[in-house]
Amino acid sequence: MKMPTMVPLSLLSVPQVRAARGGGGEAAAVVLGWHSDHDRLGKCIRKNHACEMCAKAFCDVYHLNRHKLSHSEEKTYQCSVCQQCFKLKERMSYHVCSHDRTVHKPLNCSHCGKSFSRPNHLNTHVRQVHSTERPFKCEKCEAAFATKDWLWAHTVRHEKVPCHVCGKMLSSAYISDHMKVHSQGPHHVCELYNKGFTTTVPPPAHPRGEGPRAPGPAG
């Protein structure tokens, strides 16, 4: 059997090239370039940017900020077709393409036959529409939901915020509708008491009997 050729370790190392005084050379430039690339790679491997919420580390600020979106419920990018919101712009852009019928959708739902272009879209559809499992439970009531997004949308209803006009504490999900009461004014006026209401049914505190009568002639 032929023995493998042994290569000296010195031949495997990066050659040490010293530039002549007063100028460099192509070989020196190549070696310096290799070291420069090696240093950049080393910087990327060193993950010095850590998430303060979960301690996961990243090699640059861009990927750290991108990761932080996973801890946030804010979805700033909205589809102009169906108004669905997304955390990342590229995911929203990909979603918009799904409204185009020319997009290839090879994945079919075994329950209803609806087609999808990505496995995670199919899985989300099955959980939301066909599955009876509700793993995401509300901590403030007995409600449970199939997805985390649905749970978050429900949780908002438990949060109370004050109306800056009347000071009334209302659910943040209904504060917008409540503000219309102040902006639109009363539409229904009681003829007896000359008091306005926003609905046809007056509140319980309002008298429902006859209004004050004008004083009659003295008898």
N, C-alpha and C. Protein backbone atom coordinates (compact mmCIF):
# COMPACT_ATOMS: atom_id res chain seq x y z
N MET A 1 0.85 -1.19 0.00
CA MET A 1 0.00 0.00 0.00
C MET A 1 0.88 1.24 0.00
N LYS A 2 0.52 2.20 -0.82
CA LYS A 2 1.30 3.42 -0.93
C LYS A 2 0.96 4.35 0.23
N MET A 3 2.00 4.78 0.91
CA MET A 3 1.80 5.66 2.05
C MET A 3 1.50 7.07 1.58
N PRO A 4 0.58 7.78 2.25
CA PRO A 4 0.27 9.15 1.85
C PRO A 4 1.46 10.07 2.05
N THR A 5 1.58 11.03 1.19
CA THR A 5 2.68 11.98 1.26
C THR A 5 2.45 12.94 2.42
N MET A 6 3.45 13.06 3.26
CA MET A 6 3.34 13.95 4.41
C MET A 6 3.75 15.36 3.99
N VAL A 7 2.90 16.32 4.30
CA VAL A 7 3.16 17.71 3.95
C VAL A 7 3.60 18.45 5.20
N PRO A 8 4.71 19.15 5.16
CA PRO A 8 5.16 19.92 6.34
C PRO A 8 4.12 20.95 6.76
N LEU A 9 4.00 21.12 8.05
CA LEU A 9 3.01 22.05 8.59
C LEU A 9 3.27 23.47 8.12
N SER A 10 4.55 23.80 7.90
CA SER A 10 4.88 25.16 7.48
C SER A 10 4.29 25.50 6.13
N LEU A 11 4.09 24.46 5.29
CA LEU A 11 3.52 24.70 3.97
C LEU A 11 2.02 24.93 4.03
N LEU A 12 1.39 24.53 5.12
CA LEU A 12 -0.06 24.71 5.26
C LEU A 12 -0.42 26.05 5.85
N SER A 13 0.52 26.72 6.45
CA SER A 13 0.24 28.00 7.08
C SER A 13 0.29 29.11 6.05
N VAL A 14 -0.26 30.25 6.41
CA VAL A 14 -0.26 31.40 5.52
C VAL A 14 1.14 31.97 5.45
N PRO A 15 1.68 32.17 4.27
CA PRO A 15 3.05 32.68 4.17
C PRO A 15 3.18 34.06 4.77
N GLN A 16 4.28 34.26 5.44
CA GLN A 16 4.55 35.56 6.03
C GLN A 16 5.34 36.39 5.02
N VAL A 17 4.73 37.38 4.47
CA VAL A 17 5.36 38.20 3.45
C VAL A 17 5.60 39.57 4.01
N ARG A 18 6.78 40.03 3.92
CA ARG A 18 7.13 41.35 4.40
C ARG A 18 7.41 42.25 3.21
N ALA A 19 6.78 43.38 3.19
CA ALA A 19 7.00 44.30 2.10
C ALA A 19 8.35 44.97 2.26
N ALA A 20 8.99 45.20 1.11
CA ALA A 20 10.28 45.88 1.15
C ALA A 20 10.09 47.32 1.60
N ARG A 21 11.13 47.85 2.22
CA ARG A 21 11.05 49.22 2.72
C ARG A 21 10.85 50.17 1.54
N GLY A 22 9.84 51.01 1.69
CA GLY A 22 9.59 51.98 0.63
C GLY A 22 8.51 51.54 -0.32
N GLY A 23 8.00 50.33 -0.20
CA GLY A 23 6.95 49.91 -1.13
C GLY A 23 6.50 48.52 -0.81
N GLY A 24 5.35 48.12 -1.32
CA GLY A 24 4.83 46.80 -1.09
C GLY A 24 4.94 45.96 -2.33
N GLY A 25 4.23 44.89 -2.37
CA GLY A 25 4.24 44.01 -3.52
C GLY A 25 2.92 43.33 -3.66
N GLU A 26 2.70 42.66 -4.80
CA GLU A 26 1.42 41.98 -5.03
C GLU A 26 1.22 40.88 -4.01
N ALA A 27 2.30 40.15 -3.70
CA ALA A 27 2.16 39.06 -2.73
C ALA A 27 1.76 39.60 -1.37
N ALA A 28 2.37 40.70 -0.99
CA ALA A 28 2.03 41.31 0.29
C ALA A 28 0.60 41.78 0.30
N ALA A 29 0.14 42.33 -0.83
CA ALA A 29 -1.23 42.81 -0.92
C ALA A 29 -2.21 41.66 -0.79
N VAL A 30 -1.86 40.50 -1.38
CA VAL A 30 -2.74 39.33 -1.30
C VAL A 30 -2.86 38.85 0.13
N VAL A 31 -1.71 38.76 0.81
CA VAL A 31 -1.72 38.29 2.19
C VAL A 31 -2.47 39.26 3.09
N LEU A 32 -2.23 40.55 2.90
CA LEU A 32 -2.94 41.54 3.71
C LEU A 32 -4.42 41.50 3.43
N GLY A 33 -4.77 41.28 2.17
CA GLY A 33 -6.18 41.15 1.82
C GLY A 33 -6.82 39.95 2.48
N TRP A 34 -6.07 38.84 2.55
CA TRP A 34 -6.60 37.64 3.21
C TRP A 34 -6.85 37.91 4.68
N HIS A 35 -5.88 38.57 5.30
CA HIS A 35 -6.05 38.88 6.72
C HIS A 35 -7.22 39.84 6.93
N SER A 36 -7.42 40.76 6.00
CA SER A 36 -8.52 41.71 6.13
C SER A 36 -9.85 40.99 6.08
N ASP A 37 -9.99 40.05 5.13
CA ASP A 37 -11.23 39.27 5.04
C ASP A 37 -11.41 38.41 6.28
N HIS A 38 -10.30 37.85 6.76
CA HIS A 38 -10.37 37.01 7.95
C HIS A 38 -10.84 37.81 9.16
N ASP A 39 -10.36 39.04 9.28
CA ASP A 39 -10.77 39.89 10.40
C ASP A 39 -12.25 40.23 10.32
N ARG A 40 -12.73 40.50 9.10
CA ARG A 40 -14.16 40.81 8.95
C ARG A 40 -15.01 39.61 9.31
N LEU A 41 -14.56 38.41 8.92
CA LEU A 41 -15.29 37.20 9.27
C LEU A 41 -15.30 37.01 10.78
N GLY A 42 -14.16 37.29 11.41
CA GLY A 42 -14.10 37.15 12.86
C GLY A 42 -15.04 38.09 13.57
N LYS A 43 -15.17 39.30 13.04
CA LYS A 43 -16.09 40.26 13.64
C LYS A 43 -17.53 39.79 13.53
N CYS A 44 -17.84 39.13 12.42
CA CYS A 44 -19.21 38.65 12.23
C CYS A 44 -19.50 37.48 13.16
N ILE A 45 -18.48 36.63 13.38
CA ILE A 45 -18.68 35.48 14.26
C ILE A 45 -18.89 35.94 15.69
N ARG A 46 -18.19 36.99 16.10
CA ARG A 46 -18.36 37.51 17.46
C ARG A 46 -19.70 38.25 17.55
N LYS A 47 -20.59 37.70 18.31
CA LYS A 47 -21.93 38.28 18.45
C LYS A 47 -21.97 39.17 19.69
N ASN A 48 -21.70 40.43 19.46
CA ASN A 48 -21.60 41.38 20.57
C ASN A 48 -22.88 42.15 20.85
N HIS A 49 -23.91 41.95 20.03
CA HIS A 49 -25.16 42.70 20.18
C HIS A 49 -26.23 41.75 20.72
N ALA A 50 -26.56 41.90 21.99
CA ALA A 50 -27.49 40.99 22.65
C ALA A 50 -28.85 41.65 22.85
N CYS A 51 -29.88 40.85 22.74
CA CYS A 51 -31.25 41.32 22.99
C CYS A 51 -31.47 41.41 24.49
N GLU A 52 -31.94 42.55 24.96
CA GLU A 52 -32.12 42.74 26.40
C GLU A 52 -33.33 41.98 26.94
N MET A 53 -34.17 41.45 26.04
CA MET A 53 -35.37 40.75 26.49
C MET A 53 -35.16 39.25 26.61
N CYS A 54 -34.33 38.67 25.72
CA CYS A 54 -34.14 37.21 25.76
C CYS A 54 -32.68 36.81 25.77
N ALA A 55 -31.76 37.78 25.69
CA ALA A 55 -30.31 37.56 25.74
C ALA A 55 -29.75 36.89 24.49
N LYS A 56 -30.55 36.73 23.45
CA LYS A 56 -30.03 36.18 22.21
C LYS A 56 -29.11 37.21 21.56
N ALA A 57 -27.95 36.74 21.06
CA ALA A 57 -26.93 37.66 20.55
C ALA A 57 -26.85 37.61 19.03
N PHE A 58 -26.43 38.73 18.45
CA PHE A 58 -26.30 38.87 17.00
C PHE A 58 -25.01 39.59 16.68
N CYS A 59 -24.56 39.43 15.43
CA CYS A 59 -23.28 39.99 15.04
C CYS A 59 -23.38 41.43 14.60
N ASP A 60 -24.58 41.95 14.38
CA ASP A 60 -24.71 43.35 14.00
C ASP A 60 -26.05 43.90 14.49
N VAL A 61 -26.17 45.22 14.45
CA VAL A 61 -27.37 45.89 14.96
C VAL A 61 -28.57 45.60 14.08
N TYR A 62 -28.36 45.45 12.77
CA TYR A 62 -29.47 45.20 11.85
C TYR A 62 -30.22 43.93 12.24
N HIS A 63 -29.49 42.85 12.43
CA HIS A 63 -30.15 41.59 12.77
C HIS A 63 -30.73 41.63 14.19
N LEU A 64 -30.11 42.42 15.07
CA LEU A 64 -30.67 42.57 16.42
C LEU A 64 -32.02 43.28 16.35
N ASN A 65 -32.09 44.38 15.62
CA ASN A 65 -33.35 45.12 15.50
C ASN A 65 -34.42 44.28 14.80
N ARG A 66 -34.01 43.50 13.83
CA ARG A 66 -34.95 42.62 13.14
C ARG A 66 -35.50 41.57 14.11
N HIS A 67 -34.64 41.06 14.98
CA HIS A 67 -35.08 40.08 15.97
C HIS A 67 -36.03 40.70 16.98
N LYS A 68 -35.80 41.96 17.36
CA LYS A 68 -36.64 42.60 18.37
C LYS A 68 -38.10 42.67 17.94
N LEU A 69 -38.35 42.61 16.64
CA LEU A 69 -39.73 42.64 16.17
C LEU A 69 -40.50 41.42 16.65
N SER A 70 -39.79 40.32 16.93
CA SER A 70 -40.48 39.12 17.41
C SER A 70 -41.05 39.31 18.80
N HIS A 71 -40.52 40.28 19.55
CA HIS A 71 -41.03 40.57 20.89
C HIS A 71 -42.13 41.63 20.86
N SER A 72 -42.32 42.25 19.74
CA SER A 72 -43.31 43.33 19.63
C SER A 72 -44.55 42.85 18.90
N GLU A 73 -45.68 43.39 19.30
CA GLU A 73 -46.95 43.07 18.63
C GLU A 73 -47.32 44.13 17.59
N GLU A 74 -46.48 45.12 17.44
CA GLU A 74 -46.77 46.19 16.49
C GLU A 74 -46.57 45.71 15.06
N LYS A 75 -47.56 45.93 14.23
CA LYS A 75 -47.51 45.54 12.82
C LYS A 75 -47.80 46.79 11.98
N THR A 76 -46.73 47.37 11.46
CA THR A 76 -46.84 48.67 10.80
C THR A 76 -47.07 48.58 9.31
N TYR A 77 -46.92 47.40 8.73
CA TYR A 77 -47.07 47.26 7.28
C TYR A 77 -48.40 46.58 6.97
N GLN A 78 -49.24 47.25 6.20
CA GLN A 78 -50.60 46.77 5.93
C GLN A 78 -50.79 46.48 4.46
N CYS A 79 -51.43 45.36 4.18
CA CYS A 79 -51.76 44.98 2.80
C CYS A 79 -52.86 45.90 2.28
N SER A 80 -52.65 46.47 1.12
CA SER A 80 -53.63 47.40 0.55
C SER A 80 -54.84 46.69 -0.03
N VAL A 81 -54.76 45.36 -0.14
CA VAL A 81 -55.87 44.60 -0.72
C VAL A 81 -56.83 44.11 0.35
N CYS A 82 -56.30 43.49 1.40
CA CYS A 82 -57.16 42.90 2.43
C CYS A 82 -56.94 43.51 3.81
N GLN A 83 -56.05 44.49 3.94
CA GLN A 83 -55.77 45.20 5.19
C GLN A 83 -55.12 44.33 6.27
N GLN A 84 -54.61 43.17 5.90
CA GLN A 84 -53.88 42.37 6.87
C GLN A 84 -52.54 43.05 7.18
N CYS A 85 -52.13 43.01 8.45
CA CYS A 85 -50.93 43.74 8.88
C CYS A 85 -49.77 42.79 9.14
N PHE A 86 -48.55 43.30 8.97
CA PHE A 86 -47.35 42.51 9.12
C PHE A 86 -46.28 43.32 9.85
N LYS A 87 -45.36 42.60 10.50
CA LYS A 87 -44.25 43.25 11.19
C LYS A 87 -43.13 43.63 10.23
N LEU A 88 -42.91 42.79 9.21
CA LEU A 88 -41.83 43.00 8.26
C LEU A 88 -42.37 43.39 6.90
N LYS A 89 -41.69 44.31 6.25
CA LYS A 89 -42.13 44.80 4.95
C LYS A 89 -42.04 43.71 3.89
N GLU A 90 -40.99 42.88 3.94
CA GLU A 90 -40.84 41.84 2.93
C GLU A 90 -41.93 40.78 3.03
N ARG A 91 -42.39 40.51 4.25
CA ARG A 91 -43.48 39.55 4.40
C ARG A 91 -44.79 40.12 3.87
N MET A 92 -44.97 41.41 4.07
CA MET A 92 -46.16 42.06 3.52
C MET A 92 -46.11 42.03 2.00
N SER A 93 -44.94 42.29 1.42
CA SER A 93 -44.80 42.29 -0.03
C SER A 93 -45.07 40.90 -0.60
N TYR A 94 -44.57 39.87 0.09
CA TYR A 94 -44.84 38.51 -0.36
C TYR A 94 -46.32 38.18 -0.27
N HIS A 95 -46.96 38.67 0.78
CA HIS A 95 -48.39 38.44 0.95
C HIS A 95 -49.19 39.10 -0.16
N VAL A 96 -48.81 40.32 -0.54
CA VAL A 96 -49.53 41.02 -1.60
C VAL A 96 -49.51 40.21 -2.89
N CYS A 97 -48.39 39.54 -3.14
CA CYS A 97 -48.31 38.71 -4.35
C CYS A 97 -49.29 37.55 -4.31
N SER A 98 -49.68 37.12 -3.11
CA SER A 98 -50.62 36.00 -3.01
C SER A 98 -52.00 36.35 -3.53
N HIS A 99 -52.30 37.64 -3.64
CA HIS A 99 -53.58 38.05 -4.21
C HIS A 99 -53.59 37.91 -5.73
N ASP A 100 -52.41 37.77 -6.31
CA ASP A 100 -52.30 37.57 -7.75
C ASP A 100 -52.54 36.10 -8.06
N ARG A 101 -53.45 35.81 -8.92
CA ARG A 101 -53.80 34.42 -9.23
C ARG A 101 -52.69 33.67 -9.94
N THR A 102 -51.71 34.40 -10.48
CA THR A 102 -50.63 33.74 -11.20
C THR A 102 -49.59 33.13 -10.25
N VAL A 103 -49.67 33.42 -8.95
CA VAL A 103 -48.73 32.85 -7.99
C VAL A 103 -48.96 31.35 -7.87
N HIS A 104 -47.88 30.59 -7.93
CA HIS A 104 -47.98 29.13 -7.85
C HIS A 104 -48.33 28.71 -6.42
N LYS A 105 -49.41 27.96 -6.27
CA LYS A 105 -49.87 27.51 -4.96
C LYS A 105 -50.03 25.99 -4.98
N PRO A 106 -48.94 25.28 -4.76
CA PRO A 106 -49.00 23.82 -4.87
C PRO A 106 -49.54 23.11 -3.64
N LEU A 107 -49.72 23.82 -2.53
CA LEU A 107 -50.15 23.20 -1.28
C LEU A 107 -51.65 23.37 -1.10
N ASN A 108 -52.36 22.25 -0.99
CA ASN A 108 -53.81 22.28 -0.86
C ASN A 108 -54.24 21.83 0.53
N CYS A 109 -55.25 22.50 1.06
CA CYS A 109 -55.81 22.12 2.35
C CYS A 109 -56.63 20.84 2.18
N SER A 110 -56.38 19.86 3.02
CA SER A 110 -57.08 18.58 2.92
C SER A 110 -58.52 18.68 3.39
N HIS A 111 -58.88 19.77 4.06
CA HIS A 111 -60.24 19.94 4.57
C HIS A 111 -61.15 20.65 3.58
N CYS A 112 -60.65 21.71 2.97
CA CYS A 112 -61.52 22.51 2.08
C CYS A 112 -60.96 22.68 0.68
N GLY A 113 -59.73 22.24 0.44
CA GLY A 113 -59.16 22.33 -0.89
C GLY A 113 -58.53 23.67 -1.24
N LYS A 114 -58.53 24.63 -0.33
CA LYS A 114 -57.93 25.93 -0.61
C LYS A 114 -56.43 25.78 -0.81
N SER A 115 -55.88 26.53 -1.77
CA SER A 115 -54.47 26.40 -2.14
C SER A 115 -53.62 27.49 -1.49
N PHE A 116 -52.37 27.12 -1.20
CA PHE A 116 -51.43 28.05 -0.58
C PHE A 116 -50.06 27.89 -1.22
N SER A 117 -49.28 28.96 -1.14
CA SER A 117 -47.95 28.96 -1.75
C SER A 117 -46.86 28.55 -0.78
N ARG A 118 -47.12 28.66 0.52
CA ARG A 118 -46.09 28.35 1.51
C ARG A 118 -46.66 27.44 2.60
N PRO A 119 -45.83 26.54 3.16
CA PRO A 119 -46.31 25.63 4.19
C PRO A 119 -46.83 26.34 5.43
N ASN A 120 -46.17 27.43 5.85
CA ASN A 120 -46.64 28.11 7.06
C ASN A 120 -48.00 28.77 6.85
N HIS A 121 -48.29 29.19 5.61
CA HIS A 121 -49.62 29.74 5.32
C HIS A 121 -50.69 28.65 5.42
N LEU A 122 -50.37 27.46 4.92
CA LEU A 122 -51.31 26.34 5.02
C LEU A 122 -51.54 25.96 6.48
N ASN A 123 -50.47 25.89 7.26
CA ASN A 123 -50.60 25.52 8.67
C ASN A 123 -51.42 26.55 9.44
N THR A 124 -51.20 27.82 9.15
CA THR A 124 -51.97 28.87 9.81
C THR A 124 -53.44 28.77 9.45
N HIS A 125 -53.74 28.49 8.19
CA HIS A 125 -55.12 28.34 7.74
C HIS A 125 -55.81 27.19 8.47
N VAL A 126 -55.12 26.07 8.60
CA VAL A 126 -55.72 24.90 9.27
C VAL A 126 -55.99 25.20 10.73
N ARG A 127 -55.06 25.88 11.41
CA ARG A 127 -55.25 26.21 12.82
C ARG A 127 -56.41 27.18 13.01
N GLN A 128 -56.51 28.17 12.14
CA GLN A 128 -57.51 29.21 12.32
C GLN A 128 -58.90 28.77 11.92
N VAL A 129 -59.00 27.95 10.88
CA VAL A 129 -60.30 27.62 10.30
C VAL A 129 -60.80 26.24 10.71
N HIS A 130 -59.94 25.25 10.66
CA HIS A 130 -60.41 23.87 10.82
C HIS A 130 -60.09 23.24 12.17
N SER A 131 -59.08 23.73 12.86
CA SER A 131 -58.68 23.10 14.11
C SER A 131 -59.56 23.57 15.26
N THR A 132 -59.83 22.65 16.17
CA THR A 132 -60.59 22.98 17.38
C THR A 132 -59.67 23.29 18.55
N GLU A 133 -58.36 23.16 18.35
CA GLU A 133 -57.41 23.45 19.42
C GLU A 133 -57.29 24.95 19.63
N ARG A 134 -57.27 25.34 20.87
CA ARG A 134 -57.13 26.75 21.25
C ARG A 134 -56.03 26.86 22.31
N PRO A 135 -54.78 26.76 21.89
CA PRO A 135 -53.68 26.74 22.88
C PRO A 135 -53.37 28.09 23.51
N PHE A 136 -53.82 29.18 22.89
CA PHE A 136 -53.49 30.51 23.42
C PHE A 136 -54.66 31.03 24.26
N LYS A 137 -54.46 31.04 25.58
CA LYS A 137 -55.53 31.38 26.51
C LYS A 137 -55.32 32.76 27.12
N CYS A 138 -56.42 33.45 27.30
CA CYS A 138 -56.38 34.78 27.90
C CYS A 138 -56.16 34.65 29.40
N GLU A 139 -55.28 35.49 29.95
CA GLU A 139 -54.98 35.45 31.38
C GLU A 139 -56.04 36.15 32.22
N LYS A 140 -56.91 36.93 31.58
CA LYS A 140 -57.89 37.71 32.32
C LYS A 140 -59.31 37.15 32.22
N CYS A 141 -59.53 36.22 31.32
CA CYS A 141 -60.85 35.59 31.20
C CYS A 141 -60.65 34.17 30.68
N GLU A 142 -61.73 33.49 30.40
CA GLU A 142 -61.65 32.09 29.99
C GLU A 142 -61.56 31.92 28.48
N ALA A 143 -61.42 32.99 27.74
CA ALA A 143 -61.35 32.89 26.28
C ALA A 143 -60.04 32.25 25.84
N ALA A 144 -60.10 31.48 24.75
CA ALA A 144 -58.93 30.82 24.18
C ALA A 144 -58.98 30.96 22.66
N PHE A 145 -57.80 30.97 22.05
CA PHE A 145 -57.73 31.25 20.62
C PHE A 145 -56.73 30.33 19.93
N ALA A 146 -56.90 30.21 18.62
CA ALA A 146 -56.06 29.32 17.83
C ALA A 146 -54.70 29.91 17.53
N THR A 147 -54.60 31.23 17.47
CA THR A 147 -53.33 31.88 17.13
C THR A 147 -52.99 32.95 18.16
N LYS A 148 -51.73 33.30 18.20
CA LYS A 148 -51.25 34.33 19.12
C LYS A 148 -51.79 35.70 18.74
N ASP A 149 -51.92 35.94 17.43
CA ASP A 149 -52.44 37.23 16.97
C ASP A 149 -53.88 37.44 17.42
N TRP A 150 -54.68 36.39 17.36
CA TRP A 150 -56.08 36.50 17.80
C TRP A 150 -56.15 36.75 19.30
N LEU A 151 -55.26 36.11 20.05
CA LEU A 151 -55.22 36.34 21.50
C LEU A 151 -54.85 37.78 21.80
N TRP A 152 -53.87 38.32 21.08
CA TRP A 152 -53.46 39.71 21.31
C TRP A 152 -54.60 40.67 20.99
N ALA A 153 -55.31 40.42 19.88
CA ALA A 153 -56.43 41.29 19.52
C ALA A 153 -57.51 41.26 20.59
N HIS A 154 -57.70 40.10 21.22
CA HIS A 154 -58.69 39.98 22.29
C HIS A 154 -58.20 40.66 23.56
N THR A 155 -56.91 40.52 23.88
CA THR A 155 -56.37 41.10 25.11
C THR A 155 -56.52 42.60 25.14
N VAL A 156 -56.47 43.23 23.99
CA VAL A 156 -56.61 44.68 23.91
C VAL A 156 -57.94 45.13 24.50
N ARG A 157 -58.96 44.30 24.40
CA ARG A 157 -60.29 44.66 24.90
C ARG A 157 -60.30 44.79 26.42
N HIS A 158 -59.37 44.14 27.08
CA HIS A 158 -59.33 44.22 28.55
C HIS A 158 -58.61 45.48 29.03
N GLU A 159 -57.86 46.11 28.17
CA GLU A 159 -57.10 47.30 28.56
C GLU A 159 -58.00 48.53 28.55
N LYS A 160 -58.02 49.25 29.65
CA LYS A 160 -58.86 50.44 29.79
C LYS A 160 -58.01 51.70 29.60
N VAL A 161 -58.53 52.60 28.82
CA VAL A 161 -57.87 53.89 28.59
C VAL A 161 -58.89 54.99 28.83
N PRO A 162 -58.43 56.14 29.34
CA PRO A 162 -59.38 57.23 29.62
C PRO A 162 -59.69 58.05 28.37
N CYS A 163 -60.93 58.49 28.28
CA CYS A 163 -61.32 59.42 27.22
C CYS A 163 -60.82 60.80 27.62
N HIS A 164 -60.08 61.48 26.73
CA HIS A 164 -59.51 62.77 27.08
C HIS A 164 -60.55 63.89 27.07
N VAL A 165 -61.78 63.57 26.66
CA VAL A 165 -62.84 64.58 26.64
C VAL A 165 -63.67 64.51 27.92
N CYS A 166 -64.15 63.31 28.25
CA CYS A 166 -65.02 63.17 29.41
C CYS A 166 -64.39 62.39 30.56
N GLY A 167 -63.23 61.79 30.33
CA GLY A 167 -62.55 61.06 31.39
C GLY A 167 -63.07 59.66 31.62
N LYS A 168 -64.03 59.21 30.86
CA LYS A 168 -64.59 57.88 31.04
C LYS A 168 -63.57 56.82 30.65
N MET A 169 -63.47 55.75 31.47
CA MET A 169 -62.55 54.66 31.19
C MET A 169 -63.22 53.67 30.26
N LEU A 170 -62.58 53.41 29.14
CA LEU A 170 -63.15 52.52 28.13
C LEU A 170 -62.10 51.56 27.62
N SER A 171 -62.56 50.47 27.03
CA SER A 171 -61.65 49.54 26.38
C SER A 171 -60.98 50.22 25.20
N SER A 172 -59.68 49.97 25.03
CA SER A 172 -58.96 50.58 23.92
C SER A 172 -59.49 50.13 22.58
N ALA A 173 -60.22 49.01 22.56
CA ALA A 173 -60.80 48.54 21.31
C ALA A 173 -62.02 49.37 20.90
N TYR A 174 -62.62 50.08 21.86
CA TYR A 174 -63.84 50.84 21.57
C TYR A 174 -63.67 52.34 21.74
N ILE A 175 -62.46 52.78 22.07
CA ILE A 175 -62.26 54.20 22.32
C ILE A 175 -62.52 55.03 21.07
N SER A 176 -62.20 54.48 19.90
CA SER A 176 -62.43 55.23 18.65
C SER A 176 -63.91 55.46 18.42
N ASP A 177 -64.73 54.44 18.67
CA ASP A 177 -66.18 54.60 18.51
C ASP A 177 -66.72 55.58 19.54
N HIS A 178 -66.15 55.55 20.75
CA HIS A 178 -66.62 56.46 21.78
C HIS A 178 -66.32 57.91 21.42
N MET A 179 -65.19 58.17 20.81
CA MET A 179 -64.82 59.53 20.46
C MET A 179 -65.78 60.13 19.44
N LYS A 180 -66.43 59.28 18.66
CA LYS A 180 -67.41 59.78 17.70
C LYS A 180 -68.59 60.44 18.42
N VAL A 181 -68.86 59.99 19.63
CA VAL A 181 -69.96 60.57 20.41
C VAL A 181 -69.68 62.05 20.67
N HIS A 182 -68.43 62.36 20.95
CA HIS A 182 -68.07 63.75 21.24
C HIS A 182 -67.95 64.59 19.97
N SER A 183 -67.58 63.96 18.88
CA SER A 183 -67.37 64.73 17.65
C SER A 183 -68.66 64.96 16.87
N GLN A 184 -69.59 64.01 16.96
CA GLN A 184 -70.82 64.12 16.18
C GLN A 184 -71.92 64.88 16.91
N GLY A 185 -71.91 64.84 18.23
CA GLY A 185 -72.95 65.54 18.97
C GLY A 185 -74.23 64.74 19.05
N PRO A 186 -75.21 65.19 19.84
CA PRO A 186 -76.47 64.45 19.99
C PRO A 186 -77.34 64.56 18.74
N HIS A 187 -78.02 63.45 18.44
CA HIS A 187 -78.91 63.41 17.28
C HIS A 187 -80.39 63.39 17.70
N HIS A 188 -80.65 63.03 18.95
CA HIS A 188 -82.03 62.92 19.42
C HIS A 188 -82.23 63.85 20.62
N VAL A 189 -83.22 64.70 20.53
CA VAL A 189 -83.47 65.70 21.57
C VAL A 189 -84.81 65.43 22.22
N CYS A 190 -84.81 65.40 23.56
CA CYS A 190 -86.05 65.24 24.30
C CYS A 190 -86.80 66.57 24.28
N GLU A 191 -88.04 66.55 23.78
CA GLU A 191 -88.81 67.79 23.66
C GLU A 191 -89.26 68.31 25.02
N LEU A 192 -89.38 67.40 26.00
CA LEU A 192 -89.86 67.81 27.31
C LEU A 192 -88.76 68.51 28.12
N TYR A 193 -87.55 67.94 28.06
CA TYR A 193 -86.47 68.48 28.88
C TYR A 193 -85.41 69.21 28.05
N ASN A 194 -85.59 69.20 26.73
CA ASN A 194 -84.66 69.87 25.83
C ASN A 194 -83.22 69.37 26.06
N LYS A 195 -83.09 68.05 26.18
CA LYS A 195 -81.79 67.42 26.41
C LYS A 195 -81.48 66.47 25.27
N GLY A 196 -80.24 66.48 24.80
CA GLY A 196 -79.87 65.68 23.64
C GLY A 196 -79.25 64.35 24.01
N PHE A 197 -79.46 63.34 23.13
CA PHE A 197 -78.89 62.01 23.30
C PHE A 197 -78.37 61.53 21.95
N THR A 198 -77.41 60.61 21.99
CA THR A 198 -76.86 60.06 20.76
C THR A 198 -77.65 58.86 20.26
N THR A 199 -78.52 58.29 21.09
CA THR A 199 -79.34 57.16 20.69
C THR A 199 -80.80 57.48 20.95
N THR A 200 -81.66 56.64 20.38
CA THR A 200 -83.10 56.85 20.55
C THR A 200 -83.56 56.47 21.94
N VAL A 201 -82.77 55.62 22.64
CA VAL A 201 -83.13 55.19 23.99
C VAL A 201 -82.35 56.04 24.99
N PRO A 202 -82.99 56.85 25.80
CA PRO A 202 -82.27 57.69 26.76
C PRO A 202 -81.68 56.85 27.88
N PRO A 203 -80.67 57.35 28.56
CA PRO A 203 -80.08 56.61 29.67
C PRO A 203 -81.06 56.49 30.83
N PRO A 204 -80.85 55.52 31.74
CA PRO A 204 -81.79 55.32 32.85
C PRO A 204 -81.95 56.54 33.74
N ALA A 205 -80.93 57.37 33.85
CA ALA A 205 -81.02 58.53 34.74
C ALA A 205 -81.97 59.60 34.21
N HIS A 206 -82.29 59.52 32.92
CA HIS A 206 -83.17 60.53 32.35
C HIS A 206 -84.63 60.19 32.65
N PRO A 207 -85.41 61.11 33.18
CA PRO A 207 -86.83 60.83 33.48
C PRO A 207 -87.59 60.44 32.22
N ARG A 208 -88.44 59.42 32.35
CA ARG A 208 -89.20 58.95 31.20
C ARG A 208 -90.66 59.39 31.25
N GLY A 209 -91.06 60.08 32.32
CA GLY A 209 -92.45 60.52 32.43
C GLY A 209 -92.65 61.86 31.75
N GLU A 210 -93.67 62.57 32.17
CA GLU A 210 -93.94 63.88 31.60
C GLU A 210 -92.94 64.89 32.14
N GLY A 211 -92.65 65.83 31.35
CA GLY A 211 -91.71 66.86 31.74
C GLY A 211 -92.37 67.88 32.65
N PRO A 212 -91.63 68.84 33.09
CA PRO A 212 -92.20 69.86 33.99
C PRO A 212 -93.26 70.68 33.27
N ARG A 213 -94.36 70.85 33.92
CA ARG A 213 -95.47 71.58 33.31
C ARG A 213 -95.38 73.07 33.64
N ALA A 214 -95.86 73.82 32.70
CA ALA A 214 -95.88 75.28 32.93
C ALA A 214 -96.91 75.60 33.99
N PRO A 215 -96.63 76.55 34.86
CA PRO A 215 -97.59 76.87 35.94
C PRO A 215 -98.91 77.35 35.37
N GLY A 216 -100.01 76.78 35.88
CA GLY A 216 -101.35 77.13 35.39
C GLY A 216 -101.88 78.39 36.07
N PRO A 217 -103.01 78.84 35.62
CA PRO A 217 -103.61 80.04 36.23
C PRO A 217 -104.03 79.77 37.66
N ALA A 218 -103.81 80.74 38.49
CA ALA A 218 -104.16 80.59 39.91
C ALA A 218 -105.66 80.47 40.04
N GLY A 219 -106.13 79.50 40.87
CA GLY A 219 -107.55 79.28 40.99
C GLY A 219 -108.09 79.59 42.34
